[in-house]
C-alpha atoms as a PDB file:
ATOM      1  CA  MET A   1     -17.065  67.861 -92.558  1.00  0.00           C
ATOM      2  CA  MET A   2     -15.470  68.275 -88.974  1.00  0.00           C
ATOM      3  CA  ALA A   3     -13.170  65.604 -87.631  1.00  0.00           C
ATOM      4  CA  SER A   4     -14.192  63.977 -84.486  1.00  0.00           C
ATOM      5  CA  HIS A   5     -11.755  64.344 -81.465  1.00  0.00           C
ATOM      6  CA  PRO A   6     -11.936  62.574 -78.502  1.00  0.00           C
ATOM      7  CA  PRO A   7     -12.395  64.825 -74.942  1.00  0.00           C
ATOM      8  CA  PHE A   8      -9.281  66.357 -73.509  1.00  0.00           C
ATOM      9  CA  GLY A   9      -9.399  64.295 -70.503  1.00  0.00           C
ATOM     10  CA  THR A  10      -9.432  61.159 -72.543  1.00  0.00           C
ATOM     11  CA  LEU A  11      -6.136  62.070 -74.348  1.00  0.00           C
ATOM     12  CA  ARG A  12      -4.646  62.786 -70.898  1.00  0.00           C
ATOM     13  CA  LYS A  13      -5.728  59.262 -69.723  1.00  0.00           C
ATOM     14  CA  LEU A  14      -4.469  57.637 -72.859  1.00  0.00           C
ATOM     15  CA  ARG A  15      -1.166  59.214 -72.315  1.00  0.00           C
ATOM     16  CA  ARG A  16      -0.928  58.357 -68.638  1.00  0.00           C
ATOM     17  CA  LEU A  17      -2.016  54.598 -69.643  1.00  0.00           C
ATOM     18  CA  SER A  18       0.585  54.475 -72.139  1.00  0.00           C
ATOM     19  CA  GLY A  19       3.289  55.823 -69.840  1.00  0.00           C
ATOM     20  CA  LEU A  20       2.502  53.419 -67.317  1.00  0.00           C
ATOM     21  CA  ARG A  21       2.433  50.737 -69.765  1.00  0.00           C
ATOM     22  CA  LEU A  22       6.127  51.433 -70.706  1.00  0.00           C
ATOM     23  CA  LEU A  23       7.211  51.847 -67.078  1.00  0.00           C
ATOM     24  CA  VAL A  24       5.758  48.273 -66.466  1.00  0.00           C
ATOM     25  CA  LEU A  25       7.416  46.891 -69.473  1.00  0.00           C
ATOM     26  CA  GLY A  26      10.675  48.463 -68.641  1.00  0.00           C
ATOM     27  CA  ALA A  27      10.630  47.261 -64.956  1.00  0.00           C
ATOM     28  CA  VAL A  28       9.890  43.593 -66.367  1.00  0.00           C
ATOM     29  CA  LYS A  29      12.597  43.863 -68.932  1.00  0.00           C
ATOM     30  CA  ALA A  30      14.961  44.897 -66.201  1.00  0.00           C
ATOM     31  CA  GLN A  31      14.329  42.289 -64.119  1.00  0.00           C
ATOM     32  CA  ILE A  32      14.636  39.612 -66.814  1.00  0.00           C
ATOM     33  CA  ALA A  33      17.960  41.314 -67.852  1.00  0.00           C
ATOM     34  CA  LEU A  34      19.274  40.658 -64.077  1.00  0.00           C
ATOM     35  CA  GLY A  35      18.397  36.872 -64.441  1.00  0.00           C
ATOM     36  CA  ALA A  36      14.719  36.706 -63.620  1.00  0.00           C
ATOM     37  CA  ARG A  37      13.324  33.237 -64.967  1.00  0.00           C
ATOM     38  CA  THR A  38      11.020  33.574 -68.051  1.00  0.00           C
ATOM     39  CA  ASP A  39       9.674  30.296 -68.033  1.00  0.00           C
ATOM     40  CA  VAL A  40       7.041  31.029 -65.489  1.00  0.00           C
ATOM     41  CA  ALA A  41       5.663  34.218 -63.638  1.00  0.00           C
ATOM     42  CA  ILE A  42       3.538  34.246 -60.888  1.00  0.00           C
ATOM     43  CA  VAL A  43       1.005  37.170 -60.530  1.00  0.00           C
ATOM     44  CA  LEU A  44      -0.168  38.161 -57.195  1.00  0.00           C
ATOM     45  CA  GLY A  45      -3.759  39.197 -58.353  1.00  0.00           C
ATOM     46  CA  ALA A  46      -6.121  37.049 -60.279  1.00  0.00           C
ATOM     47  CA  GLY A  47      -8.380  39.553 -61.603  1.00  0.00           C
ATOM     48  CA  LYS A  48      -7.397  43.023 -63.687  1.00  0.00           C
ATOM     49  CA  LEU A  49      -3.676  42.452 -63.017  1.00  0.00           C
ATOM     50  CA  MET A  50      -3.800  39.152 -64.444  1.00  0.00           C
ATOM     51  CA  ALA A  51      -5.547  40.284 -67.453  1.00  0.00           C
ATOM     52  CA  TYR A  52      -3.295  43.239 -67.855  1.00  0.00           C
ATOM     53  CA  LEU A  53      -0.124  41.103 -67.722  1.00  0.00           C
ATOM     54  CA  GLU A  54      -1.739  38.574 -69.902  1.00  0.00           C
ATOM     55  CA  ARG A  55      -2.036  41.091 -72.565  1.00  0.00           C
ATOM     56  CA  LEU A  56       1.365  42.551 -72.166  1.00  0.00           C
ATOM     57  CA  ASN A  57       2.724  38.984 -72.386  1.00  0.00           C
ATOM     58  CA  ALA A  58       0.954  38.114 -75.450  1.00  0.00           C
ATOM     59  CA  GLU A  59       2.290  41.448 -77.224  1.00  0.00           C
ATOM     60  CA  HIS A  60       5.957  41.040 -76.089  1.00  0.00           C
ATOM     61  CA  GLY A  61       6.454  37.399 -75.436  1.00  0.00           C
ATOM     62  CA  LEU A  62       8.028  38.118 -71.982  1.00  0.00           C
ATOM     63  CA  PHE A  63       7.045  34.756 -70.093  1.00  0.00           C
ATOM     64  CA  LYS A  64       6.109  31.138 -71.281  1.00  0.00           C
ATOM     65  CA  LYS A  65       3.497  30.940 -68.674  1.00  0.00           C
ATOM     66  CA  LEU A  66       1.821  33.214 -66.194  1.00  0.00           C
ATOM     67  CA  VAL A  67       0.139  31.639 -63.030  1.00  0.00           C
ATOM     68  CA  ALA A  68      -2.128  33.859 -60.835  1.00  0.00           C
ATOM     69  CA  LEU A  69      -2.588  33.623 -57.197  1.00  0.00           C
ATOM     70  CA  GLU A  70      -5.187  35.560 -55.300  1.00  0.00           C
ATOM     71  CA  HIS A  71      -3.644  38.466 -53.748  1.00  0.00           C
ATOM     72  CA  PRO A  72      -3.050  38.186 -50.023  1.00  0.00           C
ATOM     73  CA  ARG A  73      -4.878  41.325 -49.140  1.00  0.00           C
ATOM     74  CA  PHE A  74      -7.925  39.949 -51.079  1.00  0.00           C
ATOM     75  CA  ILE A  75      -7.722  36.628 -48.908  1.00  0.00           C
ATOM     76  CA  MET A  76      -7.381  38.249 -45.726  1.00  0.00           C
ATOM     77  CA  GLN A  77     -10.364  40.831 -46.308  1.00  0.00           C
ATOM     78  CA  TYR A  78     -12.539  38.629 -48.173  1.00  0.00           C
ATOM     79  CA  ARG A  79     -11.763  34.876 -47.865  1.00  0.00           C
ATOM     80  CA  ARG A  80     -10.395  34.547 -44.352  1.00  0.00           C
ATOM     81  CA  LYS A  81     -12.315  31.464 -43.425  1.00  0.00           C
ATOM     82  CA  ARG A  82     -10.534  29.714 -46.563  1.00  0.00           C
ATOM     83  CA  ILE A  83      -6.821  30.528 -45.656  1.00  0.00           C
ATOM     84  CA  PRO A  84      -5.626  26.918 -45.348  1.00  0.00           C
ATOM     85  CA  GLU A  85      -6.990  26.341 -48.931  1.00  0.00           C
ATOM     86  CA  PHE A  86      -5.060  29.448 -50.157  1.00  0.00           C
ATOM     87  CA  VAL A  87      -1.778  28.461 -48.187  1.00  0.00           C
ATOM     88  CA  GLU A  88      -1.972  24.959 -49.888  1.00  0.00           C
ATOM     89  CA  LYS A  89      -2.480  26.809 -53.385  1.00  0.00           C
ATOM     90  CA  TYR A  90       0.416  28.950 -52.842  1.00  0.00           C
ATOM     91  CA  LYS A  91       2.565  26.110 -51.797  1.00  0.00           C
ATOM     92  CA  ASN A  92       1.602  23.976 -54.733  1.00  0.00           C
ATOM     93  CA  VAL A  93       2.177  26.761 -57.400  1.00  0.00           C
ATOM     94  CA  LEU A  94       5.309  27.900 -55.836  1.00  0.00           C
ATOM     95  CA  GLY A  95       6.821  24.337 -55.377  1.00  0.00           C
ATOM     96  CA  GLU A  96       5.928  23.696 -59.232  1.00  0.00           C
ATOM     97  CA  ALA A  97       7.536  26.811 -60.345  1.00  0.00           C
ATOM     98  CA  LEU A  98      10.661  26.130 -58.482  1.00  0.00           C
ATOM     99  CA  ALA A  99      10.794  22.414 -59.447  1.00  0.00           C
ATOM    100  CA  GLY A 100      10.338  23.224 -63.195  1.00  0.00           C
END
């Protein structure tokens, strides 16, 4: 019976992703070591980036709370008519984070 191996490209992608994960984790830990707050982290990107950081945070317990804000480029490209709404959201989230 032959063992099943993933395609070579898949292995390369897995290695690259695990390397990226280590890089991100190292960068976040370095920021924390420099005195970054760990009670809340504001994420600029409410989609895939937020999901990625939620998984990373669940595994390593870096922050007590993650709060997502829509990325400014996304707002400017796709939600331009709603800019005042997003400005208000940014003000509220940043204000709460600074006050807490």
